[in-house]
Amino acid sequence: MSESWPPLPEEPPEAFQTDEAPPADLFDPPDPGPTRAWPRPAIVERVPLTGHAVIEASAGTGKTFTIEHLVVDRLLRGVPLPEILVVTFTEKATAELRARVRQLIERVLTAPVVDPANPGQDPPVHPDTHWIFDAAGRARLDDALFGFDRASIFTIHGFCHRVLAELAFDSGQLFDQDLIDSTRAFNRAFREALRTRLATVPAHKALLDRWLGEGHDVHALERLLSTAHRQRYPTDGPALEDEIVGLLDQLTAELDVGSVVTDYAGTAITRPALSAAEKGLRALEAALGIESER
């Protein structure tokens, strides 16, 4: 008997049949796990989720406290940590903020299990005053803690450096360039100049000795020169004494000596007249019996 090509498909097997009922929880939603709660500061609710907000406060009044709780609030709302950008001014503030955000995440992960349906629990838990989250919320915090090295918490210049590095082709920057802090760079340059010029060149050494002799130190000199550098003071030019002498010469050249002499002569004529008037006034007071208060 010849065989057909391609071979015919085999008969489909009979449909699977069973008298057993499917598990009761087959179509039930997954268990969300235990519900946990952590106190939420009231300031968090006052900051809008969209748009702009300005928090005006002096030092030590809770700006960092507010920011760290805002970060945790956004994490629990489902915002991934790499999509949250926090920018500060100084490296010290950046390090402090990174540490405090991480510590707060760790503390919230230890939040106790609560029963939202029990209003009489002690302490009371309410959505207006607490973060209430389940296993999914806890998983988001776990992910943020595990990948905390990716947290976008920078100084302004640190963030700009990262953007330039990530967009190196668009910005025309080098991949391996280093961002140098201007204060540290000036400090290194000042120390180098102090060793090689200020302490060795006789003219510079005389000025340095005079500065130190007046009770100042090299740290004050560095601050003074750093300020002058930021203010763009001229680095090369005449000495201050020479500049003052030059201004005096210019003033003398532009001064009209004749006018000065005339004005002085007029003043000299007026003085005798005023003196005579004063003597006459005193004589009149004496005649009238008036005691002078002058």
Protein backbone atom coordinates (compact mmCIF):
# COMPACT_ATOMS: atom_id res chain seq x y z
CA MET A 1 0.00 0.00 0.00
CA SER A 2 1.45 3.34 -0.93
CA GLU A 3 1.80 6.08 1.66
CA SER A 4 0.66 9.64 1.02
CA TRP A 5 3.03 12.57 1.30
CA PRO A 6 2.92 14.56 3.35
CA PRO A 7 1.49 12.14 5.87
CA LEU A 8 -2.01 12.81 7.07
CA PRO A 9 -2.30 14.09 10.65
CA GLU A 10 -3.27 11.63 13.27
CA GLU A 11 -6.71 11.72 14.75
CA PRO A 12 -6.87 14.25 17.60
CA PRO A 13 -7.02 12.68 21.01
CA GLU A 14 -10.27 12.70 22.84
CA ALA A 15 -10.91 15.74 24.98
CA PHE A 16 -9.64 15.43 28.51
CA GLN A 17 -12.49 14.80 30.83
CA THR A 18 -12.54 14.54 34.60
CA ASP A 19 -15.17 14.46 37.21
CA GLU A 20 -13.00 16.43 39.69
CA ALA A 21 -13.92 20.08 40.31
CA PRO A 22 -11.19 22.73 39.84
CA PRO A 23 -9.52 24.03 43.01
CA ALA A 24 -11.64 26.57 44.81
CA ASP A 25 -8.89 29.24 44.69
CA LEU A 26 -7.96 28.73 41.03
CA PHE A 27 -9.65 31.95 39.92
CA ASP A 28 -9.30 33.88 43.17
CA PRO A 29 -6.95 36.90 43.27
CA PRO A 30 -3.58 36.30 44.94
CA ASP A 31 -3.31 36.89 48.63
CA PRO A 32 -2.08 40.50 49.13
CA GLY A 33 -0.30 39.43 52.28
CA PRO A 34 -0.44 41.17 55.64
CA THR A 35 -1.35 44.85 55.78
CA ARG A 36 1.19 47.14 57.39
CA ALA A 37 1.05 50.78 58.48
CA TRP A 38 3.58 53.53 59.14
CA PRO A 39 2.92 57.13 60.32
CA ARG A 40 2.90 59.65 57.47
CA PRO A 41 3.74 63.31 58.23
CA ALA A 42 0.98 65.79 57.44
CA ILE A 43 3.33 67.86 55.26
CA VAL A 44 3.42 65.03 52.69
CA GLU A 45 -0.27 65.48 51.92
CA ARG A 46 0.19 69.22 51.48
CA VAL A 47 2.68 68.78 48.64
CA PRO A 48 0.80 68.15 45.36
CA LEU A 49 1.58 65.08 43.28
CA THR A 50 1.75 67.17 40.11
CA GLY A 51 2.85 70.71 39.39
CA HIS A 52 5.30 72.79 41.39
CA ALA A 53 5.57 73.39 45.11
CA VAL A 54 7.88 75.63 47.11
CA ILE A 55 8.81 74.82 50.71
CA GLU A 56 10.21 77.92 52.40
CA ALA A 57 11.97 77.21 55.67
CA SER A 58 15.08 78.25 57.51
CA ALA A 59 17.87 75.89 58.51
CA GLY A 60 16.92 73.06 60.83
CA THR A 61 13.14 73.34 60.38
CA GLY A 62 12.53 70.07 58.52
CA LYS A 63 13.27 70.44 54.81
CA THR A 64 15.35 67.25 54.67
CA PHE A 65 12.75 65.46 56.80
CA THR A 66 10.06 66.46 54.31
CA ILE A 67 12.08 65.41 51.26
CA GLU A 68 12.94 61.96 52.61
CA HIS A 69 9.27 61.27 53.40
CA LEU A 70 8.21 62.54 49.97
CA VAL A 71 10.57 60.00 48.38
CA VAL A 72 9.08 57.11 50.38
CA ASP A 73 5.56 58.35 49.59
CA ARG A 74 6.29 58.26 45.84
CA LEU A 75 7.81 54.80 46.15
CA LEU A 76 4.68 53.45 47.82
CA ARG A 77 2.59 55.05 45.07
CA GLY A 78 4.46 52.96 42.51
CA VAL A 79 7.08 55.41 41.23
CA PRO A 80 10.38 53.54 40.60
CA LEU A 81 13.36 54.89 42.50
CA PRO A 82 15.42 55.73 39.35
CA GLU A 83 12.58 58.02 38.21
CA ILE A 84 12.79 60.18 41.35
CA LEU A 85 15.31 63.03 41.12
CA VAL A 86 16.53 64.87 44.21
CA VAL A 87 19.02 67.72 43.74
CA THR A 88 20.82 69.50 46.58
CA PHE A 89 23.51 72.18 46.77
CA THR A 90 26.45 70.64 48.61
CA GLU A 91 28.11 67.23 48.71
CA LYS A 92 27.61 67.10 52.48
CA ALA A 93 23.86 67.63 52.08
CA THR A 94 23.76 64.99 49.34
CA ALA A 95 25.48 62.39 51.50
CA GLU A 96 23.20 63.17 54.44
CA LEU A 97 20.06 62.97 52.31
CA ARG A 98 21.06 59.65 50.73
CA ALA A 99 21.70 58.17 54.17
CA ARG A 100 18.42 59.45 55.61
CA VAL A 101 16.30 58.25 52.68
CA ARG A 102 17.85 54.79 52.92
CA GLN A 103 17.36 54.65 56.69
CA LEU A 104 13.71 55.68 56.35
CA ILE A 105 13.05 52.95 53.77
CA GLU A 106 14.61 50.41 56.14
CA ARG A 107 12.43 51.62 59.02
CA VAL A 108 9.21 51.57 56.98
CA LEU A 109 10.00 47.98 55.94
CA THR A 110 9.74 47.06 59.63
CA ALA A 111 6.22 48.52 59.88
CA PRO A 112 3.94 46.41 62.10
CA VAL A 113 1.05 44.35 60.76
CA VAL A 114 -2.31 46.04 61.33
CA ASP A 115 -5.98 45.29 60.77
CA PRO A 116 -7.54 48.17 58.78
CA ALA A 117 -11.02 46.90 59.62
CA ASN A 118 -10.42 47.30 63.35
CA PRO A 119 -10.88 50.99 64.27
CA GLY A 120 -10.20 50.30 67.93
CA GLN A 121 -6.61 49.10 67.62
CA ASP A 122 -3.96 50.87 69.62
CA PRO A 123 -2.41 52.99 68.29
CA PRO A 124 -5.21 53.92 65.86
CA VAL A 125 -4.44 53.61 62.14
CA HIS A 126 -6.11 55.78 59.52
CA PRO A 127 -5.34 56.39 55.81
CA ASP A 128 -5.19 60.14 56.49
CA THR A 129 -2.34 59.76 58.96
CA HIS A 130 -0.57 56.55 57.91
CA TRP A 131 0.89 54.79 54.93
CA ILE A 132 -1.12 51.57 54.72
CA PHE A 133 0.41 49.06 52.32
CA ASP A 134 0.34 45.36 51.54
CA ALA A 135 2.93 42.91 50.23
CA ALA A 136 3.08 44.72 46.87
CA GLY A 137 3.98 48.00 48.57
CA ARG A 138 6.57 46.24 50.67
CA ALA A 139 8.04 44.70 47.52
CA ARG A 140 8.40 48.17 45.98
CA LEU A 141 10.34 49.32 49.03
CA ASP A 142 12.48 46.17 48.89
CA ASP A 143 13.30 46.84 45.24
CA ALA A 144 14.21 50.45 46.04
CA LEU A 145 16.49 49.36 48.89
CA PHE A 146 18.13 46.65 46.78
CA GLY A 147 18.86 49.08 43.96
CA PHE A 148 19.55 52.12 46.11
CA ASP A 149 22.87 52.73 44.35
CA ARG A 150 20.77 53.89 41.38
CA ALA A 151 19.04 56.58 43.44
CA SER A 152 19.22 59.92 41.65
CA ILE A 153 20.28 62.08 44.59
CA PHE A 154 22.92 64.54 43.41
CA THR A 155 24.41 67.95 43.83
CA ILE A 156 23.57 70.33 40.99
CA HIS A 157 26.97 69.87 39.35
CA GLY A 158 26.85 66.11 39.96
CA PHE A 159 23.52 65.81 38.16
CA CYS A 160 24.77 67.95 35.27
CA HIS A 161 27.88 65.77 35.02
CA ARG A 162 25.72 62.63 34.83
CA VAL A 163 23.49 64.10 32.12
CA LEU A 164 26.52 65.14 30.07
CA ALA A 165 28.05 61.68 30.46
CA GLU A 166 24.83 59.91 29.45
CA LEU A 167 24.39 62.22 26.46
CA ALA A 168 28.06 62.37 25.53
CA PHE A 169 27.41 62.11 21.79
CA ASP A 170 24.80 64.87 21.83
CA SER A 171 26.82 67.18 24.08
CA GLY A 172 30.20 66.50 22.49
CA GLN A 173 31.76 65.55 25.84
CA LEU A 174 34.39 62.93 26.60
CA PHE A 175 33.28 59.69 28.22
CA ASP A 176 36.11 59.64 30.77
CA GLN A 177 36.29 63.30 31.75
CA ASP A 178 36.37 64.11 35.46
CA LEU A 179 34.34 66.79 37.19
CA ILE A 180 36.66 68.88 39.38
CA ASP A 181 35.37 70.85 42.34
CA SER A 182 36.51 74.46 41.98
CA THR A 183 37.21 74.88 45.71
CA ARG A 184 39.48 71.84 45.82
CA ALA A 185 41.22 72.87 42.61
CA PHE A 186 41.91 76.36 44.01
CA ASN A 187 43.20 74.84 47.26
CA ARG A 188 45.69 72.68 45.38
CA ALA A 189 46.81 75.63 43.24
CA PHE A 190 47.20 77.85 46.32
CA ARG A 191 49.27 75.25 48.17
CA GLU A 192 51.49 74.84 45.14
CA ALA A 193 51.97 78.61 44.79
CA LEU A 194 52.63 78.91 48.53
CA ARG A 195 55.49 76.40 48.33
CA THR A 196 57.04 77.48 45.04
CA ARG A 197 56.51 81.26 44.93
CA LEU A 198 55.10 82.95 48.02
CA ALA A 199 57.66 81.39 50.34
CA THR A 200 60.65 81.63 47.98
CA VAL A 201 60.42 84.75 45.79
CA PRO A 202 61.79 87.64 47.93
CA ALA A 203 59.11 90.18 46.96
CA HIS A 204 56.30 87.70 47.60
CA LYS A 205 57.91 86.41 50.78
CA ALA A 206 58.07 89.95 52.18
CA LEU A 207 54.34 90.37 51.63
CA LEU A 208 53.64 86.95 53.14
CA ASP A 209 55.74 87.78 56.21
CA ARG A 210 53.88 91.06 56.61
CA TRP A 211 50.54 89.24 56.35
CA LEU A 212 51.51 86.67 58.95
CA GLY A 213 53.02 89.35 61.18
CA GLU A 214 49.66 91.11 61.36
CA GLY A 215 48.12 88.03 62.98
CA HIS A 216 46.61 86.40 59.89
CA ASP A 217 47.22 82.84 58.75
CA VAL A 218 47.51 81.11 55.39
CA HIS A 219 43.90 79.88 55.56
CA ALA A 220 42.65 83.47 55.72
CA LEU A 221 44.94 84.35 52.81
CA GLU A 222 43.52 81.46 50.78
CA ARG A 223 39.95 82.62 51.47
CA LEU A 224 40.85 86.19 50.50
CA LEU A 225 42.48 85.13 47.24
CA SER A 226 39.64 82.73 46.46
CA THR A 227 37.13 85.56 46.88
CA ALA A 228 39.24 87.78 44.65
CA HIS A 229 39.33 85.02 42.04
CA ARG A 230 35.54 84.58 42.10
CA GLN A 231 35.04 88.35 41.83
CA ARG A 232 37.37 88.40 38.81
CA TYR A 233 39.86 90.83 40.37
CA PRO A 234 42.77 91.59 38.02
CA THR A 235 45.70 89.29 38.64
CA ASP A 236 48.29 91.58 37.02
CA GLY A 237 48.48 95.33 37.52
CA PRO A 238 50.13 98.12 39.47
CA ALA A 239 50.51 97.91 43.21
CA LEU A 240 47.89 99.61 45.35
CA GLU A 241 50.30 102.37 46.43
CA ASP A 242 51.17 103.13 42.81
CA GLU A 243 47.49 103.21 41.90
CA ILE A 244 46.73 105.73 44.69
CA VAL A 245 49.63 107.97 43.64
CA GLY A 246 48.41 107.85 40.07
CA LEU A 247 44.90 108.90 41.09
CA LEU A 248 46.27 111.81 43.14
CA ASP A 249 48.35 112.98 40.18
CA GLN A 250 45.27 112.82 37.97
CA LEU A 251 43.26 114.81 40.52
CA THR A 252 45.97 117.47 40.76
CA ALA A 253 46.16 117.78 36.99
CA GLU A 254 42.40 118.27 36.67
CA LEU A 255 42.12 120.67 39.64
CA ASP A 256 41.59 124.40 38.88
CA VAL A 257 43.99 126.00 41.35
CA GLY A 258 42.74 129.52 40.55
CA SER A 259 39.17 128.66 41.53
CA VAL A 260 40.36 127.16 44.80
CA VAL A 261 42.32 130.32 45.66
CA THR A 262 39.34 132.56 44.83
CA ASP A 263 36.97 130.49 46.98
CA TYR A 264 39.40 130.58 49.88
CA ALA A 265 39.80 134.36 49.58
CA GLY A 266 36.03 134.82 49.67
CA THR A 267 35.86 132.75 52.80
CA ALA A 268 38.59 134.89 54.39
CA ILE A 269 36.59 138.09 53.68
CA THR A 270 33.39 136.64 55.12
CA ARG A 271 34.91 135.60 58.43
CA PRO A 272 35.70 139.17 59.72
CA ALA A 273 32.16 140.28 58.81
CA LEU A 274 30.63 137.41 60.78
CA SER A 275 32.90 138.17 63.73
CA ALA A 276 31.78 141.83 63.80
CA ALA A 277 28.10 140.83 63.62
CA GLU A 278 28.55 138.46 66.54
CA LYS A 279 30.13 141.23 68.67
CA GLY A 280 27.22 143.57 67.89
CA LEU A 281 24.67 140.94 68.85
CA ARG A 282 26.33 140.36 72.21
CA ALA A 283 26.34 144.13 72.93
CA LEU A 284 22.61 144.33 72.16
CA GLU A 285 21.87 141.39 74.47
CA ALA A 286 23.79 143.08 77.29
CA ALA A 287 21.87 146.34 76.82
CA LEU A 288 18.53 144.56 76.95
CA GLY A 289 19.52 142.41 79.90
CA ILE A 290 19.15 139.15 77.97
CA GLU A 291 21.37 136.28 79.04
CA SER A 292 22.93 134.53 76.09
CA GLU A 293 22.45 130.80 75.81
CA ARG A 294 25.39 130.35 73.45
